[in-house]
Amino acid sequence: MTKDHGPTVKSDKVYEDLREAGASKEKAARIANAYAGGTIDHDGTHLENRSKDELYDEAKEIGIEGRSDMDKDELVKAIRKG
């Protein structure tokens, strides 16, 4: 059963899955909240249709490290990896 992680975590299930996968509390909360807010898009080619700046902004929002050194393809892969 999913535990309630308080009002700062918008998707407890996603948060727990990320924590179990080894994500820090902060990173798991950012990704879970982005997921709950509908700002993460893992479907097919949607990511490829975005500009590098849009991908960078999403990577920043979910806490992907090293994003400033990534090209567009690397940003897409990092976002999909979550």
N, C-alpha and C. Protein backbone atom coordinates (compact mmCIF):
# COMPACT_ATOMS: atom_id res chain seq x y z
N MET A 1 0.84 -1.18 0.00
CA MET A 1 0.00 0.00 0.00
C MET A 1 0.89 1.24 0.00
N THR A 2 0.49 2.22 -0.79
CA THR A 2 1.26 3.44 -0.91
C THR A 2 1.10 4.31 0.34
N LYS A 3 2.19 4.80 0.83
CA LYS A 3 2.23 5.65 2.02
C LYS A 3 2.05 7.11 1.61
N ASP A 4 1.42 7.91 2.45
CA ASP A 4 1.26 9.34 2.18
C ASP A 4 2.53 10.06 2.62
N HIS A 5 3.18 10.73 1.66
CA HIS A 5 4.42 11.43 1.94
C HIS A 5 4.24 12.92 2.17
N GLY A 6 3.01 13.32 2.44
CA GLY A 6 2.74 14.71 2.76
C GLY A 6 2.35 15.54 1.55
N PRO A 7 2.01 16.80 1.79
CA PRO A 7 1.50 17.66 0.73
C PRO A 7 2.55 18.10 -0.29
N THR A 8 3.82 17.92 0.02
CA THR A 8 4.85 18.35 -0.93
C THR A 8 5.13 17.31 -2.01
N VAL A 9 4.64 16.09 -1.83
CA VAL A 9 4.80 15.04 -2.84
C VAL A 9 3.44 14.79 -3.46
N LYS A 10 3.34 15.06 -4.76
CA LYS A 10 2.05 15.00 -5.45
C LYS A 10 1.69 13.61 -5.94
N SER A 11 2.66 12.72 -6.10
CA SER A 11 2.39 11.35 -6.53
C SER A 11 3.20 10.39 -5.66
N ASP A 12 2.56 9.89 -4.63
CA ASP A 12 3.25 9.03 -3.67
C ASP A 12 3.77 7.74 -4.32
N LYS A 13 3.02 7.15 -5.22
CA LYS A 13 3.43 5.90 -5.87
C LYS A 13 4.70 6.11 -6.69
N VAL A 14 4.74 7.17 -7.50
CA VAL A 14 5.93 7.45 -8.30
C VAL A 14 7.11 7.74 -7.38
N TYR A 15 6.87 8.51 -6.33
CA TYR A 15 7.92 8.84 -5.36
C TYR A 15 8.52 7.56 -4.76
N GLU A 16 7.65 6.64 -4.32
CA GLU A 16 8.14 5.41 -3.71
C GLU A 16 8.93 4.56 -4.72
N ASP A 17 8.43 4.47 -5.95
CA ASP A 17 9.14 3.70 -6.97
C ASP A 17 10.54 4.27 -7.22
N LEU A 18 10.63 5.58 -7.28
CA LEU A 18 11.92 6.24 -7.51
C LEU A 18 12.87 6.04 -6.33
N ARG A 19 12.35 6.13 -5.12
CA ARG A 19 13.19 5.92 -3.93
C ARG A 19 13.72 4.49 -3.90
N GLU A 20 12.85 3.52 -4.26
CA GLU A 20 13.28 2.12 -4.29
C GLU A 20 14.35 1.89 -5.35
N ALA A 21 14.29 2.71 -6.42
CA ALA A 21 15.28 2.60 -7.49
C ALA A 21 16.58 3.32 -7.15
N GLY A 22 16.61 4.00 -6.01
CA GLY A 22 17.84 4.62 -5.55
C GLY A 22 17.91 6.13 -5.68
N ALA A 23 16.83 6.78 -6.12
CA ALA A 23 16.83 8.23 -6.24
C ALA A 23 16.81 8.87 -4.85
N SER A 24 17.43 10.04 -4.75
CA SER A 24 17.41 10.77 -3.48
C SER A 24 15.98 11.23 -3.20
N LYS A 25 15.71 11.61 -1.97
CA LYS A 25 14.38 12.11 -1.62
C LYS A 25 14.02 13.33 -2.45
N GLU A 26 14.98 14.24 -2.60
CA GLU A 26 14.74 15.48 -3.35
C GLU A 26 14.44 15.19 -4.83
N LYS A 27 15.26 14.36 -5.43
CA LYS A 27 15.07 14.05 -6.85
C LYS A 27 13.75 13.29 -7.06
N ALA A 28 13.46 12.34 -6.19
CA ALA A 28 12.22 11.58 -6.30
C ALA A 28 11.00 12.50 -6.17
N ALA A 29 11.06 13.45 -5.27
CA ALA A 29 9.95 14.38 -5.09
C ALA A 29 9.78 15.26 -6.33
N ARG A 30 10.89 15.76 -6.89
CA ARG A 30 10.80 16.61 -8.09
C ARG A 30 10.19 15.85 -9.26
N ILE A 31 10.65 14.62 -9.48
CA ILE A 31 10.14 13.84 -10.60
C ILE A 31 8.68 13.45 -10.36
N ALA A 32 8.34 13.04 -9.15
CA ALA A 32 6.95 12.67 -8.84
C ALA A 32 6.02 13.85 -9.04
N ASN A 33 6.46 15.03 -8.65
CA ASN A 33 5.62 16.22 -8.81
C ASN A 33 5.50 16.62 -10.28
N ALA A 34 6.57 16.50 -11.04
CA ALA A 34 6.51 16.79 -12.47
C ALA A 34 5.59 15.79 -13.16
N TYR A 35 5.66 14.53 -12.76
CA TYR A 35 4.80 13.49 -13.32
C TYR A 35 3.34 13.81 -13.01
N ALA A 36 3.05 14.14 -11.75
CA ALA A 36 1.67 14.44 -11.35
C ALA A 36 1.15 15.69 -12.05
N GLY A 37 2.04 16.64 -12.32
CA GLY A 37 1.65 17.87 -12.99
C GLY A 37 1.53 17.74 -14.50
N GLY A 38 1.90 16.56 -15.01
CA GLY A 38 1.79 16.31 -16.44
C GLY A 38 2.87 16.94 -17.27
N THR A 39 4.00 17.29 -16.67
CA THR A 39 5.07 17.93 -17.43
C THR A 39 6.14 16.96 -17.90
N ILE A 40 6.01 15.69 -17.55
CA ILE A 40 6.94 14.68 -18.06
C ILE A 40 6.22 13.93 -19.16
N ASP A 41 6.85 13.84 -20.30
CA ASP A 41 6.27 13.18 -21.46
C ASP A 41 7.23 12.10 -21.94
N HIS A 42 6.87 10.86 -21.70
CA HIS A 42 7.72 9.75 -22.11
C HIS A 42 7.20 9.06 -23.36
N ASP A 43 6.19 9.60 -24.01
CA ASP A 43 5.58 8.95 -25.16
C ASP A 43 6.37 9.19 -26.44
N GLY A 44 6.64 8.12 -27.14
CA GLY A 44 7.20 8.11 -28.47
C GLY A 44 8.06 9.29 -28.87
N THR A 45 7.64 9.98 -29.92
CA THR A 45 8.46 11.03 -30.51
C THR A 45 8.21 12.41 -29.92
N HIS A 46 7.34 12.52 -28.96
CA HIS A 46 7.03 13.85 -28.42
C HIS A 46 8.27 14.58 -27.94
N LEU A 47 9.16 13.89 -27.29
CA LEU A 47 10.37 14.53 -26.81
C LEU A 47 11.25 15.01 -27.96
N GLU A 48 11.33 14.21 -29.01
CA GLU A 48 12.15 14.59 -30.16
C GLU A 48 11.61 15.84 -30.87
N ASN A 49 10.33 16.10 -30.72
CA ASN A 49 9.72 17.27 -31.36
C ASN A 49 9.94 18.56 -30.57
N ARG A 50 10.48 18.46 -29.39
CA ARG A 50 10.72 19.65 -28.57
C ARG A 50 12.07 20.27 -28.91
N SER A 51 12.18 21.56 -28.61
CA SER A 51 13.46 22.24 -28.84
C SER A 51 14.44 21.84 -27.74
N LYS A 52 15.71 22.10 -27.99
CA LYS A 52 16.73 21.79 -26.98
C LYS A 52 16.46 22.59 -25.71
N ASP A 53 16.03 23.85 -25.85
CA ASP A 53 15.74 24.68 -24.68
C ASP A 53 14.59 24.09 -23.85
N GLU A 54 13.56 23.58 -24.52
CA GLU A 54 12.44 22.96 -23.80
C GLU A 54 12.90 21.71 -23.07
N LEU A 55 13.72 20.91 -23.73
CA LEU A 55 14.25 19.71 -23.09
C LEU A 55 15.15 20.06 -21.91
N TYR A 56 15.95 21.09 -22.07
CA TYR A 56 16.82 21.54 -20.98
C TYR A 56 15.98 21.95 -19.77
N ASP A 57 14.90 22.72 -20.02
CA ASP A 57 14.04 23.17 -18.93
C ASP A 57 13.40 21.99 -18.19
N GLU A 58 12.97 20.98 -18.95
CA GLU A 58 12.39 19.80 -18.31
C GLU A 58 13.45 19.04 -17.51
N ALA A 59 14.63 18.90 -18.07
CA ALA A 59 15.72 18.23 -17.36
C ALA A 59 16.07 18.97 -16.07
N LYS A 60 16.04 20.28 -16.13
CA LYS A 60 16.30 21.09 -14.94
C LYS A 60 15.23 20.86 -13.89
N GLU A 61 13.97 20.84 -14.34
CA GLU A 61 12.85 20.66 -13.41
C GLU A 61 12.90 19.33 -12.68
N ILE A 62 13.34 18.28 -13.36
CA ILE A 62 13.37 16.97 -12.71
C ILE A 62 14.73 16.64 -12.10
N GLY A 63 15.68 17.57 -12.21
CA GLY A 63 16.94 17.43 -11.50
C GLY A 63 18.00 16.57 -12.16
N ILE A 64 18.04 16.58 -13.48
CA ILE A 64 19.05 15.80 -14.19
C ILE A 64 20.39 16.56 -14.14
N GLU A 65 21.39 15.90 -13.60
CA GLU A 65 22.71 16.54 -13.48
C GLU A 65 23.47 16.45 -14.80
N GLY A 66 24.30 17.45 -15.07
CA GLY A 66 25.13 17.47 -16.26
C GLY A 66 24.38 17.90 -17.51
N ARG A 67 23.15 18.41 -17.34
CA ARG A 67 22.31 18.77 -18.48
C ARG A 67 22.89 19.88 -19.34
N SER A 68 23.67 20.77 -18.76
CA SER A 68 24.21 21.89 -19.55
C SER A 68 25.24 21.43 -20.57
N ASP A 69 25.83 20.26 -20.36
CA ASP A 69 26.81 19.72 -21.30
C ASP A 69 26.20 18.76 -22.32
N MET A 70 24.88 18.53 -22.22
CA MET A 70 24.22 17.55 -23.10
C MET A 70 23.71 18.19 -24.38
N ASP A 71 23.77 17.39 -25.46
CA ASP A 71 23.12 17.84 -26.69
C ASP A 71 21.65 17.38 -26.64
N LYS A 72 20.90 17.68 -27.68
CA LYS A 72 19.47 17.40 -27.68
C LYS A 72 19.19 15.90 -27.50
N ASP A 73 19.90 15.05 -28.23
CA ASP A 73 19.68 13.60 -28.13
C ASP A 73 19.99 13.08 -26.72
N GLU A 74 21.04 13.61 -26.11
CA GLU A 74 21.40 13.19 -24.75
C GLU A 74 20.34 13.64 -23.75
N LEU A 75 19.78 14.83 -23.95
CA LEU A 75 18.72 15.31 -23.06
C LEU A 75 17.49 14.40 -23.17
N VAL A 76 17.11 14.02 -24.39
CA VAL A 76 15.98 13.12 -24.59
C VAL A 76 16.21 11.81 -23.83
N LYS A 77 17.39 11.22 -23.98
CA LYS A 77 17.69 9.96 -23.32
C LYS A 77 17.66 10.11 -21.80
N ALA A 78 18.21 11.20 -21.30
CA ALA A 78 18.24 11.42 -19.84
C ALA A 78 16.85 11.61 -19.28
N ILE A 79 15.99 12.33 -20.00
CA ILE A 79 14.61 12.54 -19.54
C ILE A 79 13.85 11.22 -19.53
N ARG A 80 14.01 10.43 -20.57
CA ARG A 80 13.33 9.14 -20.62
C ARG A 80 13.80 8.22 -19.51
N LYS A 81 15.06 8.30 -19.20
CA LYS A 81 15.63 7.46 -18.13
C LYS A 81 15.09 7.91 -16.77
N GLY A 82 14.81 9.23 -16.66
CA GLY A 82 14.24 9.78 -15.44
C GLY A 82 15.15 9.74 -14.30
